[in-house]
Protein backbone atom coordinates (compact mmCIF):
# COMPACT_ATOMS: atom_id res chain seq x y z
CA MET A 1 20.52 -2.42 22.62
CA VAL A 2 23.31 -0.74 20.66
CA ALA A 3 23.52 -3.78 18.39
CA VAL A 4 19.73 -3.67 17.87
CA LEU A 5 19.88 -0.02 16.80
CA VAL A 6 22.75 -0.68 14.41
CA ARG A 7 20.88 -3.65 12.90
CA LEU A 8 17.81 -1.42 12.52
CA LYS A 9 19.85 1.14 10.59
CA LEU A 10 21.44 -1.58 8.49
CA ALA A 11 18.06 -3.17 7.73
CA HIS A 12 16.67 0.23 6.69
CA PHE A 13 19.67 0.74 4.41
CA ILE A 14 19.34 -2.72 2.80
CA ALA A 15 15.59 -2.16 2.29
CA TYR A 16 16.40 0.53 -0.28
CA PHE A 17 17.77 -2.17 -2.55
CA THR A 18 15.27 -4.96 -1.83
CA ARG A 19 11.93 -3.17 -2.15
CA GLY A 20 12.25 -2.30 -5.83
CA ASN A 21 13.52 1.25 -5.38
CA ALA A 22 15.46 1.38 -8.63
CA TRP A 23 16.49 5.02 -8.40
CA ALA A 24 17.95 4.42 -4.94
CA ILE A 25 20.22 1.76 -6.43
CA VAL A 26 21.19 4.04 -9.32
CA GLY A 27 21.85 6.98 -6.98
CA PHE A 28 23.89 4.86 -4.57
CA SER A 29 25.91 3.40 -7.44
CA PHE A 30 26.74 6.82 -8.88
CA ALA A 31 27.60 8.19 -5.44
CA MET A 32 29.91 5.27 -4.72
CA LEU A 33 31.58 5.46 -8.14
CA TYR A 34 32.20 9.17 -7.71
CA GLY A 35 33.39 8.63 -4.14
CA LEU A 36 35.65 5.73 -5.08
CA GLY A 37 37.23 7.90 -7.75
CA LEU A 38 37.97 10.50 -5.09
CA VAL A 39 39.33 7.81 -2.74
CA VAL A 40 41.67 6.47 -5.44
CA CYS A 41 42.93 9.98 -6.22
CA LEU A 42 43.59 10.70 -2.54
CA GLY A 43 45.30 7.40 -2.00
CA ALA A 44 47.47 7.83 -5.09
CA GLY A 45 48.32 11.41 -4.12
CA GLY A 46 49.40 10.31 -0.66
CA PHE A 47 52.00 7.90 -2.11
CA PHE A 48 54.02 10.83 -3.48
CA ILE A 49 54.40 12.45 -0.04
CA ASP A 50 57.75 11.68 1.56
CA ASN A 51 58.07 14.20 4.37
CA ALA A 52 56.20 15.43 7.45
CA SER A 53 55.52 18.89 6.00
CA GLY A 54 53.69 17.48 2.97
CA ALA A 55 51.75 15.02 5.14
CA GLN A 56 50.74 17.86 7.45
CA VAL A 57 49.16 19.85 4.61
CA PHE A 58 47.57 16.74 3.07
CA LEU A 59 45.96 15.46 6.29
CA ALA A 60 44.94 18.95 7.39
CA LEU A 61 43.05 19.53 4.12
CA VAL A 62 41.48 16.06 3.92
CA GLY A 63 40.65 15.71 7.63
CA GLY A 64 39.51 19.32 8.01
CA ILE A 65 37.19 19.24 4.99
CA LEU A 66 35.82 15.83 6.02
CA THR A 67 35.05 16.99 9.56
CA LEU A 68 33.60 20.30 8.38
CA ALA A 69 31.30 18.46 5.97
CA TRP A 70 29.96 16.29 8.80
CA PHE A 71 29.35 19.41 10.90
CA LEU A 72 27.54 21.40 8.21
CA VAL A 73 25.49 18.85 6.25
CA PRO A 74 22.93 18.29 9.10
CA LEU A 75 21.89 21.94 8.79
CA PHE A 76 20.66 21.29 5.27
CA ALA A 77 19.75 17.60 5.04
CA SER A 78 18.99 16.48 8.59
CA ALA A 79 15.58 15.09 7.61
CA ALA A 80 16.95 12.95 4.79
CA ASP A 81 17.29 9.89 7.07
CA ALA A 82 15.48 9.82 10.40
CA THR A 83 15.84 6.08 11.07
CA LEU A 84 17.36 6.56 14.54
CA ASP A 85 15.68 9.89 15.29
CA PRO A 86 15.38 10.32 19.10
CA GLU A 87 11.79 11.54 18.78
CA ARG A 88 10.82 8.35 16.95
CA LEU A 89 12.53 6.12 19.51
CA ALA A 90 11.37 8.03 22.60
CA PRO A 91 8.40 5.67 23.30
CA TYR A 92 10.78 2.72 23.67
CA PRO A 93 12.81 1.90 26.79
CA ILE A 94 16.15 2.96 25.35
CA ARG A 95 18.84 4.60 27.46
CA VAL A 96 20.24 7.82 26.10
CA LYS A 97 23.81 6.45 26.09
CA ASP A 98 22.72 3.38 24.13
CA LEU A 99 20.93 5.59 21.62
CA MET A 100 24.01 7.77 21.21
CA LEU A 101 26.31 4.80 20.62
CA GLY A 102 23.81 3.31 18.17
CA GLN A 103 23.60 6.59 16.27
CA ALA A 104 27.39 6.99 16.25
CA ILE A 105 27.99 3.54 14.76
CA GLY A 106 24.90 3.75 12.55
CA ALA A 107 26.23 6.96 11.01
CA LEU A 108 28.79 4.86 9.16
CA VAL A 109 26.02 2.82 7.50
CA GLY A 110 25.19 4.22 4.08
CA ALA A 111 27.07 5.91 1.24
CA PRO A 112 28.34 8.91 3.30
CA GLY A 113 29.61 6.71 6.11
CA ILE A 114 31.24 4.16 3.82
CA LEU A 115 32.97 6.86 1.78
CA THR A 116 34.13 8.60 4.97
CA LEU A 117 35.77 5.39 6.15
CA LEU A 118 37.39 4.81 2.76
CA ILE A 119 38.72 8.38 2.60
CA ALA A 120 40.17 8.01 6.09
CA LEU A 121 41.86 4.75 5.08
CA ALA A 122 43.17 6.17 1.80
CA SER A 123 44.69 9.14 3.61
CA ALA A 124 47.01 6.78 5.47
CA THR A 125 49.16 6.54 2.33
CA SER A 126 50.53 10.01 3.14
CA LEU A 127 52.35 8.49 6.13
CA PHE A 128 54.06 5.57 4.39
CA PHE A 129 57.39 7.37 4.76
CA SER A 130 57.22 6.99 8.57
CA ILE A 131 56.43 3.74 10.38
CA PRO A 132 55.75 5.44 13.79
CA GLY A 133 53.41 7.95 12.15
CA LEU A 134 51.63 5.20 10.23
CA LEU A 135 51.14 3.12 13.39
CA THR A 136 49.70 6.15 15.18
CA TYR A 137 47.30 6.99 12.36
CA PRO A 138 44.49 4.49 13.24
CA VAL A 139 44.11 6.08 16.69
CA ALA A 140 44.06 9.56 15.17
CA ALA A 141 41.56 8.53 12.47
CA ILE A 142 39.20 6.97 15.03
CA LEU A 143 39.36 10.15 17.11
CA GLY A 144 38.78 12.29 14.03
CA LEU A 145 35.77 10.24 12.92
CA ALA A 146 34.33 10.23 16.45
CA LEU A 147 34.64 14.03 16.65
CA ALA A 148 33.03 14.43 13.22
CA ILE A 149 30.07 12.15 14.00
CA ALA A 150 29.48 13.50 17.52
CA GLY A 151 29.69 17.07 16.26
CA SER A 152 27.25 16.22 13.50
CA ARG A 153 24.70 14.93 16.02
CA VAL A 154 25.13 18.03 18.21
CA VAL A 155 24.47 20.29 15.22
CA THR A 156 21.44 18.20 14.25
CA LEU A 157 19.80 18.37 17.68
CA ALA A 158 20.77 21.95 18.46
CA SER A 159 19.38 23.22 15.15
CA ILE A 160 15.94 21.59 15.53
CA PRO A 161 14.22 24.77 16.84
CA LEU A 162 15.95 26.79 14.14
CA ARG A 163 14.97 24.48 11.31
CA ALA A 164 11.40 24.25 12.63
CA ARG A 165 10.82 27.83 11.45
CA ARG A 166 9.54 27.63 7.91
CA GLY A 167 11.40 30.70 6.67
CA ILE A 168 14.77 29.53 7.97
CA SER A 169 14.12 25.98 6.81
CA ASN A 170 13.35 27.21 3.28
CA LEU A 171 16.42 29.44 3.35
CA LEU A 172 18.64 26.50 4.32
CA THR A 173 17.07 24.37 1.60
CA ILE A 174 17.73 27.05 -1.00
CA ALA A 175 21.29 27.52 0.25
CA SER A 176 22.00 23.78 0.06
CA PHE A 177 20.56 23.61 -3.45
CA MET A 178 22.73 26.54 -4.52
CA VAL A 179 25.81 24.79 -3.14
CA VAL A 180 24.95 21.61 -5.07
CA MET A 181 24.28 23.55 -8.28
CA LEU A 182 27.46 25.61 -7.99
CA MET A 183 29.67 22.80 -6.70
CA GLY A 184 31.89 22.87 -9.78
CA PRO A 185 32.72 26.60 -9.62
CA ILE A 186 33.07 26.39 -5.82
CA ILE A 187 35.61 23.56 -6.04
CA ALA A 188 37.49 25.35 -8.83
CA GLY A 189 37.57 28.58 -6.84
CA ALA A 190 38.67 26.81 -3.65
CA ALA A 191 41.42 24.97 -5.52
CA GLY A 192 42.61 28.24 -7.03
CA GLY A 193 42.61 29.94 -3.64
CA ILE A 194 44.58 27.11 -2.04
CA ALA A 195 47.09 27.21 -4.89
CA GLN A 196 47.66 30.93 -4.34
CA VAL A 197 48.47 30.49 -0.65
CA ALA A 198 50.16 27.08 -0.95
CA ASP A 199 53.47 28.44 0.36
CA ARG A 200 51.86 29.77 3.51
CA LEU A 201 49.59 26.79 4.24
CA PRO A 202 52.00 25.28 6.84
CA GLU A 203 51.91 28.59 8.76
CA TYR A 204 48.12 28.61 8.77
CA ILE A 205 47.97 24.97 9.83
CA GLU A 206 50.30 25.61 12.76
CA VAL A 207 47.60 27.93 14.15
CA LEU A 208 44.49 26.01 13.05
CA GLN A 209 45.74 22.65 14.35
CA TRP A 210 44.41 23.54 17.81
CA LEU A 211 40.82 23.59 16.52
CA PRO A 212 38.69 20.39 16.65
CA LEU A 213 38.56 20.27 12.86
CA LEU A 214 42.27 19.44 12.60
CA THR A 215 43.48 18.42 16.06
CA PRO A 216 43.18 14.60 15.82
CA TRP A 217 44.28 14.34 12.17
CA LEU A 218 47.68 15.95 12.78
CA ILE A 219 48.75 13.72 15.69
CA PRO A 220 50.57 11.15 13.49
CA VAL A 221 52.30 13.95 11.54
CA HIS A 222 54.02 15.19 14.70
CA VAL A 223 54.86 11.62 15.68
CA ALA A 224 56.48 11.17 12.26
CA SER A 225 58.51 14.34 12.71
CA GLY A 226 59.63 13.34 16.22
CA SER A 227 57.62 16.03 18.03
CA TYR A 228 56.20 13.62 20.59
CA GLY A 229 55.35 16.33 23.11
CA LEU A 230 53.24 18.23 20.58
CA ALA A 231 51.61 14.99 19.44
CA GLY A 232 50.71 14.18 23.06
CA ALA A 233 49.25 17.67 23.54
CA LEU A 234 47.08 17.27 20.45
CA LEU A 235 45.97 13.83 21.65
CA ALA A 236 44.94 15.21 25.05
CA LEU A 237 43.16 18.14 23.40
CA SER A 238 41.33 15.82 21.01
CA LEU A 239 40.07 13.70 23.91
CA LEU A 240 38.96 16.87 25.70
CA TYR A 241 37.11 18.11 22.61
CA LEU A 242 35.45 14.72 22.22
CA ALA A 243 34.37 14.65 25.88
CA ILE A 244 32.86 18.15 25.67
CA ILE A 245 31.01 17.44 22.42
CA TRP A 246 29.79 14.08 23.75
CA TRP A 247 28.49 15.79 26.89
CA PHE A 248 26.58 18.36 24.83
CA TRP A 249 25.20 15.58 22.68
CA TYR A 250 24.03 13.72 25.77
CA LEU A 251 22.22 16.79 27.14
CA LEU A 252 20.48 17.52 23.83
CA ALA A 253 19.51 13.89 23.21
CA ALA A 254 18.10 13.54 26.74
CA ARG A 255 16.09 16.74 26.34
CA THR A 256 14.74 15.62 22.97
CA MET A 257 13.64 12.22 24.26
CA ALA A 258 12.06 13.72 27.39
CA ASN A 259 10.19 16.45 25.50
CA VAL A 260 9.02 14.88 22.28
CA GLY A 261 7.52 17.51 20.00
CA GLU A 262 8.23 20.40 22.38
CA VAL A 263 11.75 21.32 21.25
CA THR A 264 10.72 22.11 17.70
CA GLY A 265 9.37 25.49 18.61
CA ARG A 266 6.45 25.17 16.21
CA LYS A 267 3.70 27.70 16.53
CA GLU A 268 0.00 27.39 15.93
CA ALA A 269 -1.30 28.41 12.55
CA ARG A 270 -2.12 32.10 12.28
CA ASN A 271 -5.83 32.86 12.28
CA LEU A 272 -7.03 35.23 9.59
CA GLY A 273 -9.70 37.78 10.37
CA ALA A 274 -13.14 37.69 8.80
CA GLY A 275 -13.00 38.63 5.15
CA HIS A 276 -9.22 38.17 4.93
CA LEU A 277 -8.25 35.11 2.89
CA GLY A 278 -4.54 35.66 2.55
CA ILE A 279 -3.21 34.90 -0.91
CA LEU A 280 -6.71 33.97 -2.10
CA ASP A 281 -7.61 37.67 -1.94
CA ARG A 282 -5.08 38.31 -4.72
CA PHE A 283 -6.71 35.93 -7.20
CA PRO A 284 -10.12 35.87 -8.93
CA ALA A 285 -12.90 34.26 -6.90
CA THR A 286 -13.24 31.38 -9.37
CA VAL A 287 -12.30 27.72 -9.32
CA ARG A 288 -9.31 28.36 -11.57
CA GLY A 289 -8.22 31.36 -9.53
CA THR A 290 -8.45 29.36 -6.29
CA ILE A 291 -6.38 26.50 -7.73
CA ALA A 292 -3.80 28.93 -9.06
CA ALA A 293 -3.54 30.67 -5.66
CA ARG A 294 -3.08 27.39 -3.83
CA ILE A 295 -0.39 26.22 -6.27
CA VAL A 296 1.51 29.51 -5.99
CA GLN A 297 1.43 29.31 -2.21
CA MET A 298 2.57 25.69 -2.26
CA MET A 299 5.46 26.43 -4.60
CA PHE A 300 6.85 29.11 -2.31
CA LYS A 301 5.95 27.58 1.08
CA ASP A 302 6.82 23.90 0.59
CA PRO A 303 10.61 23.33 0.70
CA ARG A 304 10.25 20.47 -1.79
CA CYS A 305 8.76 22.89 -4.33
CA THR A 306 11.00 25.83 -3.42
CA VAL A 307 13.98 23.90 -4.79
CA ASN A 308 12.28 23.78 -8.20
CA VAL A 309 11.45 27.49 -8.08
CA MET A 310 15.00 28.48 -7.18
CA SER A 311 16.56 26.17 -9.74
CA LEU A 312 15.63 28.39 -12.70
CA PRO A 313 17.53 31.53 -11.64
CA LEU A 314 20.52 29.37 -10.75
CA PHE A 315 20.41 27.62 -14.12
CA TYR A 316 20.35 30.97 -15.90
CA LEU A 317 23.29 32.27 -13.86
CA ILE A 318 25.35 29.14 -14.51
CA PHE A 319 24.72 28.96 -18.25
CA THR A 320 25.03 32.71 -18.74
CA PHE A 321 28.57 32.75 -17.39
CA MET A 322 29.62 29.21 -18.32
CA GLY A 323 27.71 28.60 -21.58
CA ASN A 324 30.42 29.67 -24.01
CA LEU A 325 32.01 27.13 -26.35
CA SER A 326 35.44 27.61 -27.89
CA VAL A 327 35.44 26.99 -31.68
CA THR A 328 38.48 26.92 -33.95
CA THR A 329 38.00 28.81 -37.24
CA ASP A 330 39.54 27.99 -40.64
CA THR A 331 42.38 30.41 -39.88
CA GLY A 332 43.25 28.52 -36.70
CA GLU A 333 41.88 31.23 -34.41
CA ASP A 334 39.94 30.19 -31.30
CA VAL A 335 36.60 32.01 -31.08
CA SER A 336 34.29 31.89 -28.06
CA THR A 337 30.64 31.44 -29.02
CA PRO A 338 27.60 31.27 -26.68
CA ILE A 339 26.06 28.37 -28.59
CA MET A 340 25.73 26.15 -25.51
CA GLY A 341 24.16 28.99 -23.55
CA VAL A 342 21.64 29.59 -26.35
CA PHE A 343 20.60 25.93 -26.25
CA PHE A 344 20.23 25.81 -22.48
CA CYS A 345 18.42 29.17 -22.20
CA SER A 346 16.12 28.53 -25.17
CA ALA A 347 15.40 24.81 -24.80
CA PHE A 348 16.66 23.07 -21.67
CA ILE A 349 15.64 25.54 -18.96
CA PRO A 350 12.14 26.33 -20.39
CA ALA A 351 11.48 22.60 -20.92
CA PHE A 352 12.48 21.93 -17.32
CA ALA A 353 10.22 24.76 -16.09
CA GLY A 354 7.23 23.57 -18.11
CA TYR A 355 7.61 19.97 -17.04
CA ILE A 356 7.48 20.93 -13.36
CA TYR A 357 3.72 21.09 -14.01
CA ALA A 358 3.73 17.28 -13.97
CA TYR A 359 4.94 17.29 -10.33
CA LEU A 360 2.18 19.51 -8.93
CA VAL A 361 -0.37 16.78 -8.15
CA SER A 362 2.34 14.62 -6.56
CA TYR A 363 3.43 17.52 -4.33
CA GLU A 364 -0.17 18.03 -3.22
CA SER A 365 -0.38 14.40 -2.12
CA THR A 366 -3.63 13.63 -0.27
CA ALA A 367 -4.70 17.29 -0.51
CA PHE A 368 -5.50 16.47 -4.14
CA SER A 369 -8.56 14.63 -2.79
CA LEU A 370 -10.30 18.03 -2.69
CA HIS A 371 -10.33 17.97 -6.48
CA THR A 372 -11.82 14.50 -6.68
CA THR A 373 -14.49 14.90 -3.98
CA THR A 374 -15.76 18.31 -5.14
CA ALA A 375 -16.05 17.31 -8.79
CA VAL A 376 -13.71 19.98 -10.14
CA ARG A 377 -13.95 20.18 -13.92
CA GLY A 378 -10.89 18.97 -15.74
CA ILE A 379 -10.46 22.21 -17.70
CA ASP A 380 -10.53 24.23 -14.47
CA ASP A 381 -7.93 22.02 -12.81
CA ARG A 382 -5.58 22.01 -15.78
CA LEU A 383 -5.82 25.74 -16.51
CA GLY A 384 -5.67 26.75 -12.84
CA ARG A 385 -2.34 24.97 -12.51
CA ALA A 386 -1.12 26.47 -15.78
CA TYR A 387 -1.97 30.00 -14.59
CA ALA A 388 0.13 29.45 -11.45
CA MET A 389 3.05 28.12 -13.49
CA ILE A 390 2.91 31.12 -15.81
CA LEU A 391 2.85 33.56 -12.89
CA ILE A 392 5.91 31.96 -11.31
CA TYR A 393 8.11 31.01 -14.24
CA ALA A 394 7.26 33.40 -17.10
CA PRO A 395 8.99 36.40 -15.42
CA MET A 396 12.03 34.23 -14.66
CA ILE A 397 12.32 33.13 -18.28
CA LEU A 398 12.03 36.75 -19.42
CA MET A 399 14.66 38.09 -17.02
CA GLY A 400 17.00 35.11 -17.53
CA THR A 401 16.90 35.36 -21.33
CA LEU A 402 17.45 39.13 -21.29
CA LEU A 403 20.37 38.70 -18.88
CA PHE A 404 21.94 36.05 -21.10
CA GLY A 405 21.49 38.14 -24.26
CA LEU A 406 23.04 41.17 -22.57
CA ILE A 407 26.07 39.43 -21.03
CA ALA A 408 26.75 36.87 -23.77
CA GLY A 409 26.58 39.47 -26.54
CA ALA A 410 23.61 37.79 -28.23
CA GLY A 411 21.35 40.84 -28.15
CA ALA A 412 20.31 40.47 -31.79
CA TYR A 413 18.85 37.05 -31.02
CA THR A 414 17.07 38.05 -27.80
CA VAL A 415 13.54 38.19 -29.24
CA PRO A 416 13.81 34.91 -31.23
CA MET A 417 15.28 33.31 -28.11
CA LEU A 418 12.39 34.61 -26.00
CA VAL A 419 9.79 33.31 -28.47
CA THR A 420 11.53 29.93 -28.60
CA ALA A 421 11.90 29.77 -24.81
CA TYR A 422 8.24 30.63 -24.13
CA SER A 423 7.13 28.21 -26.84
CA VAL A 424 9.10 25.38 -25.27
CA PHE A 425 7.73 26.36 -21.84
CA PHE A 426 4.12 26.14 -23.07
CA LEU A 427 4.84 22.92 -24.97
CA GLY A 428 6.24 21.45 -21.75
CA MET A 429 3.15 22.46 -19.80
CA GLY A 430 0.86 21.05 -22.49
CA LEU A 431 2.72 17.74 -22.44
CA ALA A 432 2.80 17.64 -18.62
CA SER A 433 -0.92 18.48 -18.43
CA TYR A 434 -1.67 15.19 -20.15
CA ALA A 435 1.29 13.16 -18.85
CA ASP A 436 0.49 13.57 -15.14
CA THR A 437 -2.96 12.04 -15.73
CA VAL A 438 -1.23 8.93 -17.14
CA PHE A 439 1.56 8.58 -14.57
CA SER A 440 2.54 10.45 -11.40
CA LEU A 441 6.09 11.57 -10.75
CA PRO A 442 7.53 10.37 -7.41
CA VAL A 443 8.36 13.09 -4.87
CA PRO A 444 9.45 13.03 -1.20
CA PRO A 445 6.53 12.76 1.26
CA PRO A 446 4.95 15.99 2.60
CA GLY A 447 6.96 17.55 5.42
CA SER A 448 10.17 15.69 4.56
CA SER A 449 13.47 16.95 3.24
CA PRO A 450 13.68 17.75 -0.49
CA TRP A 451 16.71 15.43 -0.54
CA LYS A 452 14.82 12.44 0.84
CA THR A 453 14.67 9.55 -1.63
CA ALA A 454 11.19 9.34 -3.15
CA LYS A 455 9.40 6.02 -3.32
CA GLN A 456 9.38 4.37 -6.76
CA PRO A 457 6.39 2.00 -6.74
CA ASP A 458 6.32 1.72 -10.56
CA GLY A 459 9.77 0.22 -11.03
CA MET A 460 12.77 1.17 -13.13
CA ALA A 461 11.20 0.89 -16.60
CA LYS A 462 8.43 3.42 -16.00
CA ALA A 463 10.83 5.70 -14.16
CA PHE A 464 13.04 5.70 -17.27
CA VAL A 465 10.07 6.53 -19.50
CA ARG A 466 9.11 9.43 -17.23
CA GLY A 467 12.63 10.80 -17.49
CA LEU A 468 12.60 10.61 -21.30
CA THR A 469 9.26 12.41 -21.45
CA MET A 470 10.84 15.66 -20.25
CA MET A 471 13.18 15.59 -23.24
CA ILE A 472 10.31 15.85 -25.76
CA PRO A 473 9.86 19.65 -25.37
CA MET A 474 13.62 20.08 -25.81
CA PHE A 475 13.52 18.17 -29.11
CA LEU A 476 10.55 20.28 -30.23
CA ALA A 477 12.76 23.39 -29.88
CA ALA A 478 14.60 22.29 -33.04
CA PRO A 479 12.91 24.79 -35.46
CA GLY A 480 13.76 27.79 -33.28
CA LEU A 481 17.33 26.65 -32.64
CA ALA A 482 17.85 25.77 -36.31
CA GLY A 483 16.58 29.19 -37.38
CA MET A 484 18.98 31.00 -35.06
CA ALA A 485 21.86 28.78 -36.17
CA ALA A 486 21.10 29.52 -39.85
CA SER A 487 21.02 33.26 -39.12
CA ALA A 488 24.34 33.06 -37.31
CA ILE A 489 25.91 31.28 -40.29
CA ASN A 490 24.62 33.43 -43.18
CA GLY A 491 23.95 36.67 -41.29
CA ASN A 492 20.28 36.85 -42.36
CA MET A 493 17.96 37.29 -39.36
CA LEU A 494 14.99 36.15 -41.45
CA TRP A 495 15.77 32.53 -40.59
CA ALA A 496 15.67 33.22 -36.86
CA TRP A 497 12.30 34.94 -37.21
CA LEU A 498 10.93 32.09 -39.33
CA GLY A 499 12.07 29.57 -36.70
CA ALA A 500 10.47 31.67 -33.96
CA GLY A 501 7.22 31.81 -35.96
CA VAL A 502 7.14 28.03 -36.33
CA MET A 503 7.76 27.66 -32.60
CA LEU A 504 4.91 30.02 -31.81
CA VAL A 505 2.46 28.02 -33.90
CA MET A 506 3.65 24.77 -32.35
CA ALA A 507 3.30 26.22 -28.84
CA VAL A 508 -0.29 27.38 -29.35
CA GLY A 509 -1.30 24.04 -30.87
CA GLY A 510 0.63 21.88 -28.41
CA PHE A 511 -0.51 23.75 -25.29
CA THR A 512 -4.17 23.79 -26.40
CA LEU A 513 -4.12 20.11 -27.34
CA GLY A 514 -2.37 19.09 -24.12
CA ILE A 515 -4.79 21.03 -21.91
CA ARG A 516 -7.84 19.61 -23.71
CA LEU A 517 -6.64 16.01 -23.67
CA GLY A 518 -5.46 16.37 -20.08
CA SER A 519 -8.83 17.80 -19.04
CA GLN A 520 -10.73 14.94 -20.61
CA ARG A 521 -8.52 12.29 -19.07
CA PHE A 522 -8.56 14.08 -15.70
CA GLU A 523 -12.36 13.79 -15.49
CA ARG A 524 -12.17 10.06 -16.19
CA HIS A 525 -9.11 9.17 -14.10
CA SER A 526 -8.80 11.70 -11.26
CA ALA A 527 -9.45 8.91 -8.72
CA ASP A 528 -6.57 6.90 -10.21
CA MET A 529 -4.34 9.97 -9.92
CA LEU A 530 -5.22 10.30 -6.23
CA TYR A 531 -4.43 6.62 -5.65
CA ARG A 532 -1.02 6.96 -7.30
CA VAL A 533 0.09 10.03 -5.36
CA THR A 534 -0.94 8.53 -2.01
CA GLN A 535 1.61 5.77 -2.63
CA PHE A 536 4.41 8.34 -2.31
CA SER A 537 3.37 9.39 1.23
């Protein structure tokens, strides 16, 4: 049975590459290239270690971070792959122990598992100075990987009731997205912190080595240094940790399989009293108002959409503090200029916000059938969605641009930047209003993790065209950006205002044209739109 489960996981993994999912291949390739670069760096770094003290720090950092990642990732992305989910397999006559072994081995199938194995193998180079330590390393690595995988499954099962609460689930999704967005600064800060305490790291490791994060990884280090008693103690403690975690995993897996659907802690939907319509009470009692209310609620309630909402403030924070570009003047002096921040805050971020409009129908999935069966007018559908987008993103663009102008010292260009940013935002919505009637953007199915790979039924070529479409509003920001650049060069603000004026005219014309064309095509092809989005479910 264990072999059957592993083959099932392997078949599911191979299916990503054989069913025409082009973006899955691209994503896997980039992940493996990035991971292989890390593996090569670790392996090369390990060659330069020639003593037990250096190996202790190296293996403690690599093994500790690797194990911690396996423990924490299930909190944020547990729904990304549910191939061997106990609730799915509960109807079949599978013993709990067989399921656990299948999940443990199956965890190594896929990019994370492959890279984990490669990192563990590459870390062995840090022990080349000691044959006894190197011979002991495979046992320690197997124990370390077993602890990481078993702990990961315990966290996954134990956090099911927690993640079943919408508020906590959304919070975890936002937190994971923030970590991904700020990964560069986080790594830089962590590296700086480690460098500051590098001299005291061995002291810290002497204490932390008794925790399950480090215990198995440091066994070969003590063998290499001749501390066989300490190595034996760590081996015994690692086996004890593994037995305890495995026992907890067994209890949680058995409970999950015996009580399918009951451990999630989900509650029944709250009933509203007569005359109380929730968020609908806050919007006009019109078709457009109803659509806008439903979109606003979806954007803040659905974790898949919440990622898009939270991305804008994070983008503004990143490019406000990291958008400066160092330029060398004719005198040889290095001057810091916020030119990159101006581009991102005036063109990239507003274009991204406006183009999110094109995802709305895909996020609705089969709920979009309400628009096709009730004969909603195209102009009402298009404008209702636009109203919701304006309510959500217009305040963010205002606050983000003002924050950038204040911190980056670009206060004189704040108003031209705002006009350019709002113009690009409305141009993006106008383009998306028509584009999503022509093609639908793939999104993860309703109820799934935002990180789940979306189906790509249209193939690689159309996916590439969809990606290029979002760049059109950024290119249309050229007049506003050129005007501000001319003003910065000659000191005359007239050019910035002229560029802003051109952008304003383009925005009014582009948004109006996009809404009208999108409305007309919506009324003729709304059934086709519904068919396309149901393919993503």
